[in-house]
C-alpha cells in the first residue's frame, strides 16, 4: 500500500485520522526535545532555539487540529492513541543512535561536538522527509475537502531545510556525502514505520 492510499484510508476514518494527527504531533514533539537535548550548555545558536520552538509549535498545532475531527480525542501520547506506536516511539531515537555511531566514526567526534553534529545531520534527514510527507498529506486533505490543514507546517519545514543546509555547509565541505548516508538510514526506518501504519490501517 502506497503512502497516498494509506492517507486516503486514514482521512476517511475519523478515529484513525485523530490518531494519525496525534502520531505526527508526537514525532514533532520528540524532534523538539531531541533538538533541545543537543544544545550546548552555553553556546546556543539562535537557529537551534528557533527550530526547537517551531517543532514544539508544530506538535501543538497538530494536536489542536484533532478537535476539527473528533472533539477531545487523543489527549495524550499513550500507546492506544498513536498509530504503529512501537515504530513511532523508536523512529527518531533509532535514527539518532545510528547517526551518532556513524558520525563518531567518520568525524572522530565526542561529547558536545558529536551531539551538535547529530543535531545537524538528523534534523536535515527529518526535514527532507517532512518536505515529502506533509505535501502528500495536504494533497489528500484537500482532495477529501477536510477541515484539517498542514499548509503552515509545510512552509516552515521548507525554511528549516534551507537553514539546515546552510549550517551543514559551514560544518563540512563534504557534508552532502554524509547527509546522504544519514538519509538512507532514515529511509529504512521510515519504511518500517509506514509498514506498521499500513498494517494498522488495513486491520481497521
C-alpha atoms as a PDB file:
ATOM      1  CA  UNK A   1       0.000   0.000   0.000  1.00  0.00           C
ATOM      2  CA  UNK A   2       1.472   3.346  -1.047  1.00  0.00           C
ATOM      3  CA  UNK A   3       1.519   6.388   1.240  1.00  0.00           C
ATOM      4  CA  UNK A   4      -1.185   8.381  -0.655  1.00  0.00           C
ATOM      5  CA  UNK A   5      -3.531   5.352  -0.485  1.00  0.00           C
ATOM      6  CA  UNK A   6      -2.816   4.898   3.222  1.00  0.00           C
ATOM      7  CA  UNK A   7      -3.584   8.570   3.875  1.00  0.00           C
ATOM      8  CA  UNK A   8      -6.893   8.372   1.967  1.00  0.00           C
ATOM      9  CA  UNK A   9      -7.928   5.469   4.209  1.00  0.00           C
ATOM     10  CA  UNK A  10      -6.818   7.338   7.337  1.00  0.00           C
ATOM     11  CA  UNK A  11      -8.624  10.565   6.455  1.00  0.00           C
ATOM     12  CA  UNK A  12     -11.791   8.612   5.662  1.00  0.00           C
ATOM     13  CA  UNK A  13     -11.941   7.166   9.211  1.00  0.00           C
ATOM     14  CA  UNK A  14     -12.242   9.869  11.927  1.00  0.00           C
ATOM     15  CA  UNK A  15     -10.759   7.803  14.759  1.00  0.00           C
ATOM     16  CA  UNK A  16      -7.778   6.819  12.618  1.00  0.00           C
ATOM     17  CA  UNK A  17      -7.330  10.382  11.418  1.00  0.00           C
ATOM     18  CA  UNK A  18      -7.256  11.649  15.000  1.00  0.00           C
ATOM     19  CA  UNK A  19      -4.608   9.057  15.885  1.00  0.00           C
ATOM     20  CA  UNK A  20      -2.614   9.988  12.754  1.00  0.00           C
ATOM     21  CA  UNK A  21      -2.551  13.662  13.733  1.00  0.00           C
ATOM     22  CA  UNK A  22      -1.596  12.646  17.262  1.00  0.00           C
ATOM     23  CA  UNK A  23       1.177  10.449  15.887  1.00  0.00           C
ATOM     24  CA  UNK A  24       2.574  13.323  13.836  1.00  0.00           C
ATOM     25  CA  UNK A  25       2.281  15.567  16.897  1.00  0.00           C
ATOM     26  CA  UNK A  26       4.218  13.025  18.970  1.00  0.00           C
ATOM     27  CA  UNK A  27       7.002  12.916  16.395  1.00  0.00           C
ATOM     28  CA  UNK A  28       7.237  16.704  16.148  1.00  0.00           C
ATOM     29  CA  UNK A  29       7.391  16.895  19.939  1.00  0.00           C
ATOM     30  CA  UNK A  30      10.058  14.180  20.058  1.00  0.00           C
ATOM     31  CA  UNK A  31      12.057  16.144  17.487  1.00  0.00           C
ATOM     32  CA  UNK A  32      11.801  19.324  19.533  1.00  0.00           C
ATOM     33  CA  UNK A  33      13.026  17.515  22.642  1.00  0.00           C
ATOM     34  CA  UNK A  34      15.918  15.974  20.717  1.00  0.00           C
ATOM     35  CA  UNK A  35      16.970  19.400  19.461  1.00  0.00           C
ATOM     36  CA  UNK A  36      16.889  20.828  22.988  1.00  0.00           C
ATOM     37  CA  UNK A  37      18.885  17.873  24.300  1.00  0.00           C
ATOM     38  CA  UNK A  38      21.637  18.641  21.766  1.00  0.00           C
ATOM     39  CA  UNK A  39      22.063  22.235  22.939  1.00  0.00           C
ATOM     40  CA  UNK A  40      25.451  23.270  24.279  1.00  0.00           C
ATOM     41  CA  UNK A  41      25.212  24.453  27.915  1.00  0.00           C
ATOM     42  CA  UNK A  42      26.437  27.933  26.933  1.00  0.00           C
ATOM     43  CA  UNK A  43      26.938  28.336  23.170  1.00  0.00           C
ATOM     44  CA  UNK A  44      23.371  28.045  21.898  1.00  0.00           C
ATOM     45  CA  UNK A  45      22.798  29.231  18.338  1.00  0.00           C
ATOM     46  CA  UNK A  46      19.591  31.202  17.770  1.00  0.00           C
ATOM     47  CA  UNK A  47      18.731  28.854  14.880  1.00  0.00           C
ATOM     48  CA  UNK A  48      18.713  25.918  17.310  1.00  0.00           C
ATOM     49  CA  UNK A  49      16.303  27.783  19.582  1.00  0.00           C
ATOM     50  CA  UNK A  50      14.135  28.659  16.597  1.00  0.00           C
ATOM     51  CA  UNK A  51      13.950  25.050  15.417  1.00  0.00           C
ATOM     52  CA  UNK A  52      13.080  23.689  18.856  1.00  0.00           C
ATOM     53  CA  UNK A  53      10.379  26.329  19.317  1.00  0.00           C
ATOM     54  CA  UNK A  54       8.853  25.712  15.895  1.00  0.00           C
ATOM     55  CA  UNK A  55       8.865  21.917  16.295  1.00  0.00           C
ATOM     56  CA  UNK A  56       7.081  22.328  19.641  1.00  0.00           C
ATOM     57  CA  UNK A  57       4.586  24.617  17.935  1.00  0.00           C
ATOM     58  CA  UNK A  58       4.008  22.049  15.193  1.00  0.00           C
ATOM     59  CA  UNK A  59       3.291  19.426  17.850  1.00  0.00           C
ATOM     60  CA  UNK A  60       0.755  21.759  19.460  1.00  0.00           C
ATOM     61  CA  UNK A  61      -0.783  22.745  16.120  1.00  0.00           C
ATOM     62  CA  UNK A  62      -1.266  19.132  15.017  1.00  0.00           C
ATOM     63  CA  UNK A  63      -2.755  18.220  18.384  1.00  0.00           C
ATOM     64  CA  UNK A  64      -5.169  21.141  18.095  1.00  0.00           C
ATOM     65  CA  UNK A  65      -6.256  20.019  14.597  1.00  0.00           C
ATOM     66  CA  UNK A  66      -7.738  16.867  16.149  1.00  0.00           C
ATOM     67  CA  UNK A  67     -10.628  18.953  17.517  1.00  0.00           C
ATOM     68  CA  UNK A  68     -11.774  19.518  13.927  1.00  0.00           C
ATOM     69  CA  UNK A  69     -12.389  15.783  13.634  1.00  0.00           C
ATOM     70  CA  UNK A  70     -13.432  14.329  16.970  1.00  0.00           C
ATOM     71  CA  UNK A  71     -13.543  16.999  19.628  1.00  0.00           C
ATOM     72  CA  UNK A  72     -11.388  15.973  22.576  1.00  0.00           C
ATOM     73  CA  UNK A  73      -9.858  12.786  21.125  1.00  0.00           C
ATOM     74  CA  UNK A  74      -6.288  11.610  21.780  1.00  0.00           C
ATOM     75  CA  UNK A  75      -5.490  13.891  24.733  1.00  0.00           C
ATOM     76  CA  UNK A  76      -2.204  12.074  25.491  1.00  0.00           C
ATOM     77  CA  UNK A  77       0.573  10.198  23.703  1.00  0.00           C
ATOM     78  CA  UNK A  78      -0.251   6.801  25.215  1.00  0.00           C
ATOM     79  CA  UNK A  79       0.169   3.722  23.009  1.00  0.00           C
ATOM     80  CA  UNK A  80      -3.542   3.371  22.224  1.00  0.00           C
ATOM     81  CA  UNK A  81      -3.653   6.966  20.946  1.00  0.00           C
ATOM     82  CA  UNK A  82      -0.862   6.502  18.373  1.00  0.00           C
ATOM     83  CA  UNK A  83      -0.743   4.614  15.077  1.00  0.00           C
ATOM     84  CA  UNK A  84       2.009   1.963  14.946  1.00  0.00           C
ATOM     85  CA  UNK A  85       3.122   3.055  18.432  1.00  0.00           C
ATOM     86  CA  UNK A  86       6.256   0.912  18.668  1.00  0.00           C
ATOM     87  CA  UNK A  87       7.680   2.123  15.358  1.00  0.00           C
ATOM     88  CA  UNK A  88       6.561   5.678  16.135  1.00  0.00           C
ATOM     89  CA  UNK A  89       8.234   5.787  19.536  1.00  0.00           C
ATOM     90  CA  UNK A  90      11.537   4.313  18.348  1.00  0.00           C
ATOM     91  CA  UNK A  91      11.804   6.047  14.953  1.00  0.00           C
ATOM     92  CA  UNK A  92      13.694   9.194  15.906  1.00  0.00           C
ATOM     93  CA  UNK A  93      15.694   7.613  18.716  1.00  0.00           C
ATOM     94  CA  UNK A  94      16.869   4.801  16.431  1.00  0.00           C
ATOM     95  CA  UNK A  95      17.911   7.318  13.786  1.00  0.00           C
ATOM     96  CA  UNK A  96      19.747   9.411  16.366  1.00  0.00           C
ATOM     97  CA  UNK A  97      21.684   6.399  17.711  1.00  0.00           C
ATOM     98  CA  UNK A  98      22.642   5.189  14.220  1.00  0.00           C
ATOM     99  CA  UNK A  99      23.683   8.695  13.161  1.00  0.00           C
ATOM    100  CA  UNK A 100      25.796   9.193  16.286  1.00  0.00           C
ATOM    101  CA  UNK A 101      27.662   5.940  15.662  1.00  0.00           C
ATOM    102  CA  UNK A 102      28.288   6.904  12.062  1.00  0.00           C
ATOM    103  CA  UNK A 103      29.379  10.495  12.790  1.00  0.00           C
ATOM    104  CA  UNK A 104      31.605   9.428  15.672  1.00  0.00           C
ATOM    105  CA  UNK A 105      33.448   7.101  13.312  1.00  0.00           C
ATOM    106  CA  UNK A 106      33.796   9.370  10.266  1.00  0.00           C
ATOM    107  CA  UNK A 107      34.482  12.675  12.059  1.00  0.00           C
ATOM    108  CA  UNK A 108      36.098  11.334  15.254  1.00  0.00           C
ATOM    109  CA  UNK A 109      33.750  13.397  17.419  1.00  0.00           C
ATOM    110  CA  UNK A 110      32.760  13.033  21.071  1.00  0.00           C
ATOM    111  CA  UNK A 111      30.687  14.875  23.670  1.00  0.00           C
ATOM    112  CA  UNK A 112      29.075  18.191  22.763  1.00  0.00           C
ATOM    113  CA  UNK A 113      30.623  18.190  19.271  1.00  0.00           C
ATOM    114  CA  UNK A 114      29.059  14.810  18.485  1.00  0.00           C
ATOM    115  CA  UNK A 115      25.689  15.973  19.813  1.00  0.00           C
ATOM    116  CA  UNK A 116      25.792  19.038  17.604  1.00  0.00           C
ATOM    117  CA  UNK A 117      26.784  17.050  14.528  1.00  0.00           C
ATOM    118  CA  UNK A 118      23.945  14.605  15.211  1.00  0.00           C
ATOM    119  CA  UNK A 119      21.546  17.536  15.513  1.00  0.00           C
ATOM    120  CA  UNK A 120      22.659  18.838  12.110  1.00  0.00           C
ATOM    121  CA  UNK A 121      22.501  15.587  10.184  1.00  0.00           C
ATOM    122  CA  UNK A 122      19.469  14.016  11.860  1.00  0.00           C
ATOM    123  CA  UNK A 123      17.471  17.229  11.599  1.00  0.00           C
ATOM    124  CA  UNK A 124      18.439  17.506   7.932  1.00  0.00           C
ATOM    125  CA  UNK A 125      17.185  13.963   7.263  1.00  0.00           C
ATOM    126  CA  UNK A 126      13.926  14.641   9.102  1.00  0.00           C
ATOM    127  CA  UNK A 127      13.395  17.906   7.200  1.00  0.00           C
ATOM    128  CA  UNK A 128      13.972  16.101   3.899  1.00  0.00           C
ATOM    129  CA  UNK A 129      11.294  13.628   4.984  1.00  0.00           C
ATOM    130  CA  UNK A 130       8.914  16.378   6.109  1.00  0.00           C
ATOM    131  CA  UNK A 131       9.273  18.095   2.730  1.00  0.00           C
ATOM    132  CA  UNK A 132       7.882  14.930   1.135  1.00  0.00           C
ATOM    133  CA  UNK A 133       5.388  13.712   3.732  1.00  0.00           C
ATOM    134  CA  UNK A 134       3.452  16.883   4.554  1.00  0.00           C
ATOM    135  CA  UNK A 135       2.690  17.918   0.936  1.00  0.00           C
ATOM    136  CA  UNK A 136       1.367  14.400   0.196  1.00  0.00           C
ATOM    137  CA  UNK A 137      -0.781  14.607   3.325  1.00  0.00           C
ATOM    138  CA  UNK A 138      -2.020  18.098   2.420  1.00  0.00           C
ATOM    139  CA  UNK A 139      -2.971  16.942  -1.067  1.00  0.00           C
ATOM    140  CA  UNK A 140      -5.004  14.092   0.427  1.00  0.00           C
ATOM    141  CA  UNK A 141      -6.665  16.527   2.846  1.00  0.00           C
ATOM    142  CA  UNK A 142      -7.538  18.933   0.022  1.00  0.00           C
ATOM    143  CA  UNK A 143      -8.977  16.161  -2.141  1.00  0.00           C
ATOM    144  CA  UNK A 144     -11.084  14.950   0.795  1.00  0.00           C
ATOM    145  CA  UNK A 145     -12.184  18.554   1.480  1.00  0.00           C
ATOM    146  CA  UNK A 146     -11.085  18.107   5.080  1.00  0.00           C
ATOM    147  CA  UNK A 147     -11.139  20.998   7.543  1.00  0.00           C
ATOM    148  CA  UNK A 148      -7.691  19.892   8.679  1.00  0.00           C
ATOM    149  CA  UNK A 149      -4.727  21.640   7.050  1.00  0.00           C
ATOM    150  CA  UNK A 150      -0.941  21.462   7.382  1.00  0.00           C
ATOM    151  CA  UNK A 151      -0.087  24.249   4.927  1.00  0.00           C
ATOM    152  CA  UNK A 152       1.587  26.411   7.588  1.00  0.00           C
ATOM    153  CA  UNK A 153       3.811  23.487   8.643  1.00  0.00           C
ATOM    154  CA  UNK A 154       4.852  22.885   5.025  1.00  0.00           C
ATOM    155  CA  UNK A 155       6.068  26.475   4.696  1.00  0.00           C
ATOM    156  CA  UNK A 156       8.067  26.351   7.921  1.00  0.00           C
ATOM    157  CA  UNK A 157       9.609  22.951   7.147  1.00  0.00           C
ATOM    158  CA  UNK A 158      10.840  24.286   3.788  1.00  0.00           C
ATOM    159  CA  UNK A 159      12.562  27.101   5.659  1.00  0.00           C
ATOM    160  CA  UNK A 160      14.053  24.645   8.155  1.00  0.00           C
ATOM    161  CA  UNK A 161      15.608  22.595   5.372  1.00  0.00           C
ATOM    162  CA  UNK A 162      17.283  25.662   3.868  1.00  0.00           C
ATOM    163  CA  UNK A 163      18.641  26.597   7.305  1.00  0.00           C
ATOM    164  CA  UNK A 164      19.973  23.082   7.910  1.00  0.00           C
ATOM    165  CA  UNK A 165      21.774  23.077   4.559  1.00  0.00           C
ATOM    166  CA  UNK A 166      23.411  26.419   5.421  1.00  0.00           C
ATOM    167  CA  UNK A 167      24.560  25.037   8.788  1.00  0.00           C
ATOM    168  CA  UNK A 168      25.862  21.816   7.242  1.00  0.00           C
ATOM    169  CA  UNK A 169      27.835  23.756   4.635  1.00  0.00           C
ATOM    170  CA  UNK A 170      29.610  25.541   7.481  1.00  0.00           C
ATOM    171  CA  UNK A 171      30.192  22.239   9.274  1.00  0.00           C
ATOM    172  CA  UNK A 172      31.936  20.374   6.436  1.00  0.00           C
ATOM    173  CA  UNK A 173      32.736  20.810   2.739  1.00  0.00           C
ATOM    174  CA  UNK A 174      31.763  17.161   2.164  1.00  0.00           C
ATOM    175  CA  UNK A 175      28.543  17.308   4.213  1.00  0.00           C
ATOM    176  CA  UNK A 176      26.308  16.093   1.369  1.00  0.00           C
ATOM    177  CA  UNK A 177      28.012  12.699   1.132  1.00  0.00           C
ATOM    178  CA  UNK A 178      27.484  12.042   4.827  1.00  0.00           C
ATOM    179  CA  UNK A 179      23.999  13.568   4.850  1.00  0.00           C
ATOM    180  CA  UNK A 180      23.001  11.167   2.068  1.00  0.00           C
ATOM    181  CA  UNK A 181      24.115   8.257   4.245  1.00  0.00           C
ATOM    182  CA  UNK A 182      22.014   9.525   7.165  1.00  0.00           C
ATOM    183  CA  UNK A 183      19.050   9.993   4.808  1.00  0.00           C
ATOM    184  CA  UNK A 184      19.492   6.363   3.722  1.00  0.00           C
ATOM    185  CA  UNK A 185      19.281   5.281   7.377  1.00  0.00           C
ATOM    186  CA  UNK A 186      16.139   7.363   7.800  1.00  0.00           C
ATOM    187  CA  UNK A 187      14.564   5.831   4.690  1.00  0.00           C
ATOM    188  CA  UNK A 188      14.841   2.340   6.175  1.00  0.00           C
ATOM    189  CA  UNK A 189      13.215   3.485   9.435  1.00  0.00           C
ATOM    190  CA  UNK A 190      10.517   5.358   7.516  1.00  0.00           C
ATOM    191  CA  UNK A 191       9.707   2.225   5.508  1.00  0.00           C
ATOM    192  CA  UNK A 192       9.320   0.241   8.739  1.00  0.00           C
ATOM    193  CA  UNK A 193       7.102   2.972  10.181  1.00  0.00           C
ATOM    194  CA  UNK A 194       4.864   3.116   7.110  1.00  0.00           C
ATOM    195  CA  UNK A 195       4.626  -0.697   7.045  1.00  0.00           C
ATOM    196  CA  UNK A 196       3.427  -0.597  10.655  1.00  0.00           C
ATOM    197  CA  UNK A 197       0.904   2.113   9.848  1.00  0.00           C
ATOM    198  CA  UNK A 198      -0.361   0.236   6.767  1.00  0.00           C
ATOM    199  CA  UNK A 199      -0.836  -2.901   8.853  1.00  0.00           C
ATOM    200  CA  UNK A 200      -2.922  -0.994  11.397  1.00  0.00           C
ATOM    201  CA  UNK A 201      -4.955   0.821   8.739  1.00  0.00           C
ATOM    202  CA  UNK A 202      -5.755  -2.414   6.913  1.00  0.00           C
ATOM    203  CA  UNK A 203      -6.692  -4.070  10.209  1.00  0.00           C
ATOM    204  CA  UNK A 204      -9.284  -1.360  10.828  1.00  0.00           C
END
